[in-house]
Amino acid sequence: MSVSVRLDDELVNQARSAAKAEFRTVQGQLEFWAKVGRAALDNPDLPADFIAESLMAMAEPREEATPFVPSSKR
């Protein structure tokens, strides 16, 4: 589903810069920020960085995921 919305030019410019650094589209960056914000509001006890990293890890294909190895097993 596609919806047109008006956004502040400064927000779009910030998203453009972040999208380039994260190899996302501007739309993808804005969607990612919205997901992080929503998850942060739903989980106020979690740091935003943890939420963002968790969402990125969940989006990673399983075949490309690095298995967790506890430091005691290294």
PDB file of N, CA and C in Angstrom:
ATOM      1  N   MET A   1       0.847  -1.170   0.000  1.00  0.00           N
ATOM      2  CA  MET A   1       0.000   0.000   0.000  1.00  0.00           C
ATOM      3  C   MET A   1       0.892   1.233   0.000  1.00  0.00           C
ATOM      4  N   SER A   2       0.577   2.182  -0.810  1.00  0.00           N
ATOM      5  CA  SER A   2       1.347   3.409  -0.920  1.00  0.00           C
ATOM      6  C   SER A   2       0.475   4.584  -0.505  1.00  0.00           C
ATOM      7  N   VAL A   3       1.050   5.452   0.334  1.00  0.00           N
ATOM      8  CA  VAL A   3       0.339   6.618   0.825  1.00  0.00           C
ATOM      9  C   VAL A   3       1.254   7.828   0.679  1.00  0.00           C
ATOM     10  N   SER A   4       0.717   8.918   0.208  1.00  0.00           N
ATOM     11  CA  SER A   4       1.487  10.158   0.111  1.00  0.00           C
ATOM     12  C   SER A   4       1.305  10.964   1.389  1.00  0.00           C
ATOM     13  N   VAL A   5       2.415  11.442   1.938  1.00  0.00           N
ATOM     14  CA  VAL A   5       2.363  12.291   3.128  1.00  0.00           C
ATOM     15  C   VAL A   5       3.315  13.464   2.936  1.00  0.00           C
ATOM     16  N   ARG A   6       3.018  14.557   3.578  1.00  0.00           N
ATOM     17  CA  ARG A   6       3.908  15.715   3.542  1.00  0.00           C
ATOM     18  C   ARG A   6       4.834  15.638   4.744  1.00  0.00           C
ATOM     19  N   LEU A   7       6.119  15.809   4.487  1.00  0.00           N
ATOM     20  CA  LEU A   7       7.112  15.771   5.549  1.00  0.00           C
ATOM     21  C   LEU A   7       7.954  17.029   5.505  1.00  0.00           C
ATOM     22  N   ASP A   8       8.445  17.428   6.652  1.00  0.00           N
ATOM     23  CA  ASP A   8       9.317  18.580   6.760  1.00  0.00           C
ATOM     24  C   ASP A   8      10.565  18.352   5.904  1.00  0.00           C
ATOM     25  N   ASP A   9      10.962  19.373   5.151  1.00  0.00           N
ATOM     26  CA  ASP A   9      12.131  19.251   4.276  1.00  0.00           C
ATOM     27  C   ASP A   9      13.395  18.865   5.041  1.00  0.00           C
ATOM     28  N   GLU A  10      13.554  19.407   6.242  1.00  0.00           N
ATOM     29  CA  GLU A  10      14.750  19.088   7.037  1.00  0.00           C
ATOM     30  C   GLU A  10      14.768  17.604   7.421  1.00  0.00           C
ATOM     31  N   LEU A  11      13.613  17.057   7.771  1.00  0.00           N
ATOM     32  CA  LEU A  11      13.537  15.635   8.105  1.00  0.00           C
ATOM     33  C   LEU A  11      13.900  14.779   6.893  1.00  0.00           C
ATOM     34  N   VAL A  12      13.406  15.156   5.741  1.00  0.00           N
ATOM     35  CA  VAL A  12      13.708  14.412   4.516  1.00  0.00           C
ATOM     36  C   VAL A  12      15.195  14.498   4.189  1.00  0.00           C
ATOM     37  N   ASN A  13      15.793  15.673   4.372  1.00  0.00           N
ATOM     38  CA  ASN A  13      17.229  15.814   4.134  1.00  0.00           C
ATOM     39  C   ASN A  13      18.048  14.973   5.107  1.00  0.00           C
ATOM     40  N   GLN A  14      17.631  14.924   6.359  1.00  0.00           N
ATOM     41  CA  GLN A  14      18.314  14.085   7.343  1.00  0.00           C
ATOM     42  C   GLN A  14      18.163  12.612   6.978  1.00  0.00           C
ATOM     43  N   ALA A  15      16.975  12.241   6.533  1.00  0.00           N
ATOM     44  CA  ALA A  15      16.747  10.857   6.114  1.00  0.00           C
ATOM     45  C   ALA A  15      17.585  10.518   4.889  1.00  0.00           C
ATOM     46  N   ARG A  16      17.722  11.453   3.986  1.00  0.00           N
ATOM     47  CA  ARG A  16      18.534  11.235   2.784  1.00  0.00           C
ATOM     48  C   ARG A  16      19.984  10.948   3.169  1.00  0.00           C
ATOM     49  N   SER A  17      20.522  11.736   4.094  1.00  0.00           N
ATOM     50  CA  SER A  17      21.906  11.536   4.554  1.00  0.00           C
ATOM     51  C   SER A  17      22.065  10.196   5.263  1.00  0.00           C
ATOM     52  N   ALA A  18      21.139   9.888   6.163  1.00  0.00           N
ATOM     53  CA  ALA A  18      21.212   8.628   6.898  1.00  0.00           C
ATOM     54  C   ALA A  18      21.016   7.439   5.964  1.00  0.00           C
ATOM     55  N   ALA A  19      20.123   7.582   5.000  1.00  0.00           N
ATOM     56  CA  ALA A  19      19.852   6.493   4.052  1.00  0.00           C
ATOM     57  C   ALA A  19      21.093   6.157   3.237  1.00  0.00           C
ATOM     58  N   LYS A  20      21.806   7.182   2.830  1.00  0.00           N
ATOM     59  CA  LYS A  20      23.027   6.959   2.056  1.00  0.00           C
ATOM     60  C   LYS A  20      24.043   6.181   2.888  1.00  0.00           C
ATOM     61  N   ALA A  21      24.195   6.559   4.144  1.00  0.00           N
ATOM     62  CA  ALA A  21      25.158   5.893   5.024  1.00  0.00           C
ATOM     63  C   ALA A  21      24.748   4.461   5.354  1.00  0.00           C
ATOM     64  N   GLU A  22      23.449   4.207   5.393  1.00  0.00           N
ATOM     65  CA  GLU A  22      22.934   2.887   5.758  1.00  0.00           C
ATOM     66  C   GLU A  22      22.543   2.037   4.552  1.00  0.00           C
ATOM     67  N   PHE A  23      22.810   2.547   3.349  1.00  0.00           N
ATOM     68  CA  PHE A  23      22.483   1.825   2.114  1.00  0.00           C
ATOM     69  C   PHE A  23      20.989   1.489   2.025  1.00  0.00           C
ATOM     70  N   ARG A  24      20.162   2.483   2.361  1.00  0.00           N
ATOM     71  CA  ARG A  24      18.709   2.357   2.256  1.00  0.00           C
ATOM     72  C   ARG A  24      18.204   3.441   1.329  1.00  0.00           C
ATOM     73  N   THR A  25      16.953   3.298   0.906  1.00  0.00           N
ATOM     74  CA  THR A  25      16.291   4.385   0.198  1.00  0.00           C
ATOM     75  C   THR A  25      15.824   5.394   1.244  1.00  0.00           C
ATOM     76  N   VAL A  26      15.475   6.589   0.803  1.00  0.00           N
ATOM     77  CA  VAL A  26      14.947   7.588   1.735  1.00  0.00           C
ATOM     78  C   VAL A  26      13.665   7.047   2.354  1.00  0.00           C
ATOM     79  N   GLN A  27      12.815   6.457   1.539  1.00  0.00           N
ATOM     80  CA  GLN A  27      11.577   5.873   2.057  1.00  0.00           C
ATOM     81  C   GLN A  27      11.880   4.775   3.073  1.00  0.00           C
ATOM     82  N   GLY A  28      12.852   3.928   2.758  1.00  0.00           N
ATOM     83  CA  GLY A  28      13.234   2.864   3.679  1.00  0.00           C
ATOM     84  C   GLY A  28      13.766   3.409   4.991  1.00  0.00           C
ATOM     85  N   GLN A  29      14.526   4.502   4.919  1.00  0.00           N
ATOM     86  CA  GLN A  29      15.065   5.112   6.137  1.00  0.00           C
ATOM     87  C   GLN A  29      13.949   5.673   7.000  1.00  0.00           C
ATOM     88  N   LEU A  30      13.010   6.368   6.376  1.00  0.00           N
ATOM     89  CA  LEU A  30      11.883   6.919   7.135  1.00  0.00           C
ATOM     90  C   LEU A  30      11.044   5.808   7.762  1.00  0.00           C
ATOM     91  N   GLU A  31      10.828   4.721   7.022  1.00  0.00           N
ATOM     92  CA  GLU A  31      10.089   3.581   7.566  1.00  0.00           C
ATOM     93  C   GLU A  31      10.841   2.968   8.745  1.00  0.00           C
ATOM     94  N   PHE A  32      12.167   2.846   8.623  1.00  0.00           N
ATOM     95  CA  PHE A  32      12.973   2.287   9.702  1.00  0.00           C
ATOM     96  C   PHE A  32      12.867   3.166  10.946  1.00  0.00           C
ATOM     97  N   TRP A  33      13.006   4.488  10.768  1.00  0.00           N
ATOM     98  CA  TRP A  33      12.872   5.395  11.904  1.00  0.00           C
ATOM     99  C   TRP A  33      11.497   5.270  12.554  1.00  0.00           C
ATOM    100  N   ALA A  34      10.465   5.119  11.741  1.00  0.00           N
ATOM    101  CA  ALA A  34       9.114   4.982  12.291  1.00  0.00           C
ATOM    102  C   ALA A  34       8.996   3.692  13.105  1.00  0.00           C
ATOM    103  N   LYS A  35       9.574   2.606  12.601  1.00  0.00           N
ATOM    104  CA  LYS A  35       9.530   1.334  13.332  1.00  0.00           C
ATOM    105  C   LYS A  35      10.295   1.428  14.649  1.00  0.00           C
ATOM    106  N   VAL A  36      11.458   2.068  14.619  1.00  0.00           N
ATOM    107  CA  VAL A  36      12.245   2.234  15.841  1.00  0.00           C
ATOM    108  C   VAL A  36      11.464   3.089  16.842  1.00  0.00           C
ATOM    109  N   GLY A  37      10.885   4.176  16.364  1.00  0.00           N
ATOM    110  CA  GLY A  37      10.107   5.050  17.243  1.00  0.00           C
ATOM    111  C   GLY A  37       8.917   4.348  17.855  1.00  0.00           C
ATOM    112  N   ARG A  38       8.222   3.576  17.047  1.00  0.00           N
ATOM    113  CA  ARG A  38       7.054   2.852  17.562  1.00  0.00           C
ATOM    114  C   ARG A  38       7.482   1.825  18.606  1.00  0.00           C
ATOM    115  N   ALA A  39       8.551   1.076  18.295  1.00  0.00           N
ATOM    116  CA  ALA A  39       9.042   0.076  19.246  1.00  0.00           C
ATOM    117  C   ALA A  39       9.541   0.740  20.529  1.00  0.00           C
ATOM    118  N   ALA A  40      10.161   1.917  20.406  1.00  0.00           N
ATOM    119  CA  ALA A  40      10.643   2.635  21.585  1.00  0.00           C
ATOM    120  C   ALA A  40       9.481   3.092  22.463  1.00  0.00           C
ATOM    121  N   LEU A  41       8.405   3.539  21.843  1.00  0.00           N
ATOM    122  CA  LEU A  41       7.231   3.939  22.622  1.00  0.00           C
ATOM    123  C   LEU A  41       6.585   2.742  23.299  1.00  0.00           C
ATOM    124  N   ASP A  42       6.590   1.592  22.622  1.00  0.00           N
ATOM    125  CA  ASP A  42       6.016   0.367  23.186  1.00  0.00           C
ATOM    126  C   ASP A  42       6.903  -0.242  24.266  1.00  0.00           C
ATOM    127  N   ASN A  43       8.205   0.086  24.239  1.00  0.00           N
ATOM    128  CA  ASN A  43       9.179  -0.492  25.174  1.00  0.00           C
ATOM    129  C   ASN A  43      10.065   0.614  25.742  1.00  0.00           C
ATOM    130  N   PRO A  44       9.511   1.490  26.572  1.00  0.00           N
ATOM    131  CA  PRO A  44      10.279   2.646  27.046  1.00  0.00           C
ATOM    132  C   PRO A  44      11.499   2.283  27.896  1.00  0.00           C
ATOM    133  N   ASP A  45      11.568   1.048  28.370  1.00  0.00           N
ATOM    134  CA  ASP A  45      12.704   0.633  29.184  1.00  0.00           C
ATOM    135  C   ASP A  45      13.914   0.215  28.360  1.00  0.00           C
ATOM    136  N   LEU A  46      13.746   0.068  27.028  1.00  0.00           N
ATOM    137  CA  LEU A  46      14.848  -0.340  26.162  1.00  0.00           C
ATOM    138  C   LEU A  46      15.488   0.866  25.489  1.00  0.00           C
ATOM    139  N   PRO A  47      16.832   0.879  25.394  1.00  0.00           N
ATOM    140  CA  PRO A  47      17.507   1.972  24.679  1.00  0.00           C
ATOM    141  C   PRO A  47      17.184   1.926  23.187  1.00  0.00           C
ATOM    142  N   ALA A  48      17.074   3.085  22.572  1.00  0.00           N
ATOM    143  CA  ALA A  48      16.744   3.168  21.143  1.00  0.00           C
ATOM    144  C   ALA A  48      17.790   2.452  20.297  1.00  0.00           C
ATOM    145  N   ASP A  49      19.067   2.523  20.680  1.00  0.00           N
ATOM    146  CA  ASP A  49      20.111   1.820  19.924  1.00  0.00           C
ATOM    147  C   ASP A  49      19.882   0.314  19.927  1.00  0.00           C
ATOM    148  N   PHE A  50      19.487  -0.216  21.073  1.00  0.00           N
ATOM    149  CA  PHE A  50      19.213  -1.650  21.167  1.00  0.00           C
ATOM    150  C   PHE A  50      18.042  -2.026  20.268  1.00  0.00           C
ATOM    151  N   ILE A  51      17.020  -1.203  20.272  1.00  0.00           N
ATOM    152  CA  ILE A  51      15.846  -1.459  19.429  1.00  0.00           C
ATOM    153  C   ILE A  51      16.237  -1.435  17.960  1.00  0.00           C
ATOM    154  N   ALA A  52      16.987  -0.424  17.553  1.00  0.00           N
ATOM    155  CA  ALA A  52      17.400  -0.307  16.150  1.00  0.00           C
ATOM    156  C   ALA A  52      18.235  -1.510  15.723  1.00  0.00           C
ATOM    157  N   GLU A  53      19.199  -1.900  16.546  1.00  0.00           N
ATOM    158  CA  GLU A  53      20.046  -3.044  16.217  1.00  0.00           C
ATOM    159  C   GLU A  53      19.237  -4.333  16.176  1.00  0.00           C
ATOM    160  N   SER A  54      18.270  -4.472  17.072  1.00  0.00           N
ATOM    161  CA  SER A  54      17.422  -5.659  17.081  1.00  0.00           C
ATOM    162  C   SER A  54      16.578  -5.747  15.814  1.00  0.00           C
ATOM    163  N   LEU A  55      16.014  -4.612  15.386  1.00  0.00           N
ATOM    164  CA  LEU A  55      15.214  -4.610  14.159  1.00  0.00           C
ATOM    165  C   LEU A  55      16.069  -4.944  12.943  1.00  0.00           C
ATOM    166  N   MET A  56      17.298  -4.428  12.904  1.00  0.00           N
ATOM    167  CA  MET A  56      18.191  -4.743  11.782  1.00  0.00           C
ATOM    168  C   MET A  56      18.563  -6.222  11.794  1.00  0.00           C
ATOM    169  N   ALA A  57      18.809  -6.778  12.976  1.00  0.00           N
ATOM    170  CA  ALA A  57      19.151  -8.196  13.072  1.00  0.00           C
ATOM    171  C   ALA A  57      17.975  -9.072  12.656  1.00  0.00           C
ATOM    172  N   MET A  58      16.776  -8.677  13.027  1.00  0.00           N
ATOM    173  CA  MET A  58      15.594  -9.460  12.657  1.00  0.00           C
ATOM    174  C   MET A  58      15.352  -9.441  11.153  1.00  0.00           C
ATOM    175  N   ALA A  59      15.793  -8.383  10.490  1.00  0.00           N
ATOM    176  CA  ALA A  59      15.603  -8.260   9.045  1.00  0.00           C
ATOM    177  C   ALA A  59      16.686  -8.999   8.258  1.00  0.00           C
ATOM    178  N   GLU A  60      17.765  -9.376   8.933  1.00  0.00           N
ATOM    179  CA  GLU A  60      18.876 -10.061   8.269  1.00  0.00           C
ATOM    180  C   GLU A  60      18.452 -11.483   7.889  1.00  0.00           C
ATOM    181  N   PRO A  61      18.742 -11.895   6.649  1.00  0.00           N
ATOM    182  CA  PRO A  61      18.403 -13.266   6.254  1.00  0.00           C
ATOM    183  C   PRO A  61      19.116 -14.276   7.159  1.00  0.00           C
ATOM    184  N   ARG A  62      18.425 -15.324   7.549  1.00  0.00           N
ATOM    185  CA  ARG A  62      19.001 -16.330   8.452  1.00  0.00           C
ATOM    186  C   ARG A  62      20.295 -16.928   7.917  1.00  0.00           C
ATOM    187  N   GLU A  63      20.365 -17.115   6.592  1.00  0.00           N
ATOM    188  CA  GLU A  63      21.558 -17.719   6.005  1.00  0.00           C
ATOM    189  C   GLU A  63      22.789 -16.849   6.221  1.00  0.00           C
ATOM    190  N   GLU A  64      22.594 -15.545   6.343  1.00  0.00           N
ATOM    191  CA  GLU A  64      23.708 -14.616   6.501  1.00  0.00           C
ATOM    192  C   GLU A  64      23.984 -14.258   7.956  1.00  0.00           C
ATOM    193  N   ALA A  65      23.177 -14.765   8.865  1.00  0.00           N
ATOM    194  CA  ALA A  65      23.326 -14.420  10.272  1.00  0.00           C
ATOM    195  C   ALA A  65      24.563 -15.082  10.865  1.00  0.00           C
ATOM    196  N   THR A  66      25.212 -14.376  11.753  1.00  0.00           N
ATOM    197  CA  THR A  66      26.364 -14.919  12.468  1.00  0.00           C
ATOM    198  C   THR A  66      25.850 -15.618  13.712  1.00  0.00           C
ATOM    199  N   PRO A  67      26.186 -16.882  13.889  1.00  0.00           N
ATOM    200  CA  PRO A  67      25.695 -17.592  15.079  1.00  0.00           C
ATOM    201  C   PRO A  67      26.275 -17.000  16.360  1.00  0.00           C
ATOM    202  N   PHE A  68      25.474 -17.005  17.398  1.00  0.00           N
ATOM    203  CA  PHE A  68      25.913 -16.497  18.698  1.00  0.00           C
ATOM    204  C   PHE A  68      26.828 -17.530  19.348  1.00  0.00           C
ATOM    205  N   VAL A  69      27.978 -17.075  19.806  1.00  0.00           N
ATOM    206  CA  VAL A  69      28.912 -17.930  20.524  1.00  0.00           C
ATOM    207  C   VAL A  69      29.250 -17.211  21.822  1.00  0.00           C
ATOM    208  N   PRO A  70      28.850 -17.795  22.964  1.00  0.00           N
ATOM    209  CA  PRO A  70      29.159 -17.143  24.243  1.00  0.00           C
ATOM    210  C   PRO A  70      30.669 -16.969  24.411  1.00  0.00           C
ATOM    211  N   SER A  71      31.073 -15.909  25.074  1.00  0.00           N
ATOM    212  CA  SER A  71      32.506 -15.643  25.246  1.00  0.00           C
ATOM    213  C   SER A  71      33.194 -16.755  26.026  1.00  0.00           C
ATOM    214  N   SER A  72      32.469 -17.470  26.841  1.00  0.00           N
ATOM    215  CA  SER A  72      33.075 -18.566  27.601  1.00  0.00           C
ATOM    216  C   SER A  72      33.433 -19.758  26.714  1.00  0.00           C
ATOM    217  N   LYS A  73      32.882 -19.829  25.495  1.00  0.00           N
ATOM    218  CA  LYS A  73      33.147 -20.933  24.564  1.00  0.00           C
ATOM    219  C   LYS A  73      34.227 -20.594  23.550  1.00  0.00           C
ATOM    220  N   ARG A  74      34.751 -19.391  23.587  1.00  0.00           N
ATOM    221  CA  ARG A  74      35.746 -18.980  22.593  1.00  0.00           C
ATOM    222  C   ARG A  74      37.124 -19.404  22.972  1.00  0.00           C
TER     223      ARG A  74
END
